[in-house]
Amino acid sequence: MKKYKCPIPTVDIIIEIERENGQEGIILIKRKNPPHGWALAGGFVDYGESLEEAAVREAKEETSLDIKLKSQFHTYSDPKRDPRKHTISTVYVATAQGRPKAQDDAQDIGIFTEEEINFPLAFDHQKILADYFKQKNNYY
């Protein structure tokens, strides 16, 4: 019997949140595990779990926040997007309230404006956020 290798489904979440000063930003986590660096919250979809359930769970595990999904943004499938293995990520846009705390495999956490994200991000998250900000800026 022939064995097939299939890509692994993941989710990433663009979490929009207001800073204490009232300015809107995006939550990024600093990863504890390789590949290291700053990234969107997200992770692998568990067996028996919907993409939406995975997004809510991963956001809670990494940021300590309960999120509200606003929309499905886009799916990214470049086989090289994750250096560990071939993944396909469905990206969601969500909102949250409160103060995020780094948990699980997040070493640190921050709320960043578009202008402040001028450093490399893990995976293809630079492209994801460039697409997000381009679309967002075209609507407002």
Protein backbone atom coordinates (compact mmCIF):
# COMPACT_ATOMS: atom_id res chain seq x y z
CA MET A 1 0.00 0.00 0.00
CA LYS A 2 1.33 3.41 -0.98
CA LYS A 3 1.92 5.87 1.88
CA TYR A 4 1.06 9.50 1.30
CA LYS A 5 2.63 12.46 3.04
CA CYS A 6 0.16 15.24 3.67
CA PRO A 7 0.67 18.81 4.89
CA ILE A 8 -0.27 19.51 8.49
CA PRO A 9 -3.08 22.00 9.23
CA THR A 10 -2.31 24.94 11.50
CA VAL A 11 -3.94 28.21 12.49
CA ASP A 12 -2.53 31.66 13.12
CA ILE A 13 -4.43 34.48 14.74
CA ILE A 14 -4.07 38.22 14.15
CA ILE A 15 -5.34 39.48 17.50
CA GLU A 16 -6.39 43.12 17.45
CA ILE A 17 -6.29 44.70 20.89
CA GLU A 18 -6.24 48.13 22.44
CA ARG A 19 -3.19 49.19 24.42
CA GLU A 20 -3.52 50.89 27.80
CA ASN A 21 -2.98 54.24 26.02
CA GLY A 22 -5.95 53.56 23.71
CA GLN A 23 -3.83 52.84 20.64
CA GLU A 24 -4.77 49.74 18.64
CA GLY A 25 -2.14 47.08 18.09
CA ILE A 26 -1.54 43.44 17.20
CA ILE A 27 -0.39 40.80 19.69
CA LEU A 28 2.86 39.03 18.89
CA ILE A 29 4.50 36.32 20.95
CA LYS A 30 8.20 35.57 21.28
CA ARG A 31 8.56 31.82 20.74
CA LYS A 32 10.23 29.59 23.36
CA ASN A 33 10.74 26.76 20.87
CA PRO A 34 12.38 26.65 17.45
CA PRO A 35 12.00 28.38 15.19
CA HIS A 36 12.68 31.22 17.61
CA GLY A 37 11.59 34.79 17.12
CA TRP A 38 8.45 36.89 17.24
CA ALA A 39 5.30 35.44 15.67
CA LEU A 40 1.53 35.54 15.62
CA ALA A 41 -0.21 33.33 18.15
CA GLY A 42 -1.12 30.00 16.62
CA GLY A 43 -0.31 26.34 16.31
CA PHE A 44 -1.35 22.90 15.18
CA VAL A 45 -4.95 21.79 14.83
CA ASP A 46 -5.76 18.82 17.05
CA TYR A 47 -7.53 15.77 15.68
CA GLY A 48 -11.31 16.22 16.02
CA GLU A 49 -10.99 19.98 16.39
CA SER A 50 -12.32 22.60 13.96
CA LEU A 51 -10.04 25.37 12.69
CA GLU A 52 -12.06 27.90 14.69
CA GLU A 53 -11.77 25.85 17.88
CA ALA A 54 -8.01 25.53 17.33
CA ALA A 55 -7.65 29.29 16.86
CA VAL A 56 -9.53 30.06 20.09
CA ARG A 57 -7.59 27.38 22.02
CA GLU A 58 -4.15 28.41 20.72
CA ALA A 59 -4.82 32.09 21.44
CA LYS A 60 -5.86 31.25 25.01
CA GLU A 61 -2.87 28.93 25.55
CA GLU A 62 -0.31 31.48 24.35
CA THR A 63 -1.82 34.84 25.40
CA SER A 64 -4.14 33.94 28.33
CA LEU A 65 -6.91 35.88 26.55
CA ASP A 66 -10.34 34.82 25.39
CA ILE A 67 -10.66 36.01 21.81
CA LYS A 68 -13.62 36.70 19.56
CA LEU A 69 -13.06 35.59 15.98
CA LYS A 70 -14.04 38.33 13.51
CA SER A 71 -13.25 36.62 10.22
CA GLN A 72 -11.16 34.09 8.40
CA PHE A 73 -8.45 36.13 6.68
CA HIS A 74 -6.52 33.89 4.29
CA THR A 75 -4.87 30.50 3.98
CA TYR A 76 -1.10 30.28 3.45
CA SER A 77 0.34 27.09 1.99
CA ASP A 78 3.89 27.67 0.75
CA PRO A 79 5.66 24.37 1.53
CA LYS A 80 8.61 26.39 2.90
CA ARG A 81 6.56 28.57 5.27
CA ASP A 82 7.57 26.42 8.28
CA PRO A 83 11.17 25.14 8.37
CA ARG A 84 10.14 22.10 10.44
CA LYS A 85 7.59 20.58 8.04
CA HIS A 86 5.02 21.37 5.36
CA THR A 87 2.10 23.15 7.03
CA ILE A 88 -0.98 24.91 5.73
CA SER A 89 -2.14 27.75 7.95
CA THR A 90 -5.58 29.28 8.01
CA VAL A 91 -5.30 32.77 9.46
CA TYR A 92 -8.05 34.39 11.51
CA VAL A 93 -8.57 37.98 12.61
CA ALA A 94 -9.81 38.27 16.17
CA THR A 95 -10.34 40.81 18.91
CA ALA A 96 -9.53 40.58 22.58
CA GLN A 97 -9.73 42.68 25.70
CA GLY A 98 -7.51 42.70 28.75
CA ARG A 99 -3.78 42.36 29.22
CA PRO A 100 -2.08 39.46 27.47
CA LYS A 101 0.32 37.24 29.41
CA ALA A 102 2.88 34.97 27.78
CA GLN A 103 1.99 31.33 28.45
CA ASP A 104 2.60 27.84 27.07
CA ASP A 105 5.25 28.08 24.33
CA ALA A 106 5.32 31.90 24.41
CA GLN A 107 8.44 33.26 26.12
CA ASP A 108 7.35 36.90 25.89
CA ILE A 109 4.41 38.86 24.52
CA GLY A 110 3.77 42.35 23.23
CA ILE A 111 1.27 44.60 21.53
CA PHE A 112 2.72 46.23 18.44
CA THR A 113 1.51 48.82 15.95
CA GLU A 114 2.17 48.36 12.23
CA GLU A 115 5.03 50.86 12.39
CA GLU A 116 6.70 49.07 15.29
CA ILE A 117 6.86 45.71 13.52
CA ASN A 118 10.14 46.54 11.78
CA PHE A 119 11.96 43.35 12.78
CA PRO A 120 11.95 39.83 11.32
CA LEU A 121 9.13 37.48 12.25
CA ALA A 122 9.11 33.68 12.37
CA PHE A 123 7.59 31.58 9.60
CA ASP A 124 5.84 33.66 6.91
CA HIS A 125 4.27 35.98 9.45
CA GLN A 126 5.92 39.07 7.89
CA LYS A 127 3.99 38.33 4.67
CA ILE A 128 0.77 37.57 6.54
CA LEU A 129 0.90 40.88 8.39
CA ALA A 130 1.90 42.80 5.25
CA ASP A 131 -1.19 41.36 3.53
CA TYR A 132 -3.35 42.15 6.57
CA PHE A 133 -2.19 45.76 6.91
CA LYS A 134 -2.49 46.35 3.17
CA GLN A 135 -6.08 45.11 3.18
CA LYS A 136 -6.94 46.95 6.40
CA ASN A 137 -5.45 50.22 5.18
CA ASN A 138 -7.37 49.96 1.89
CA TYR A 139 -10.67 49.76 3.77
CA TYR A 140 -10.14 52.75 6.07
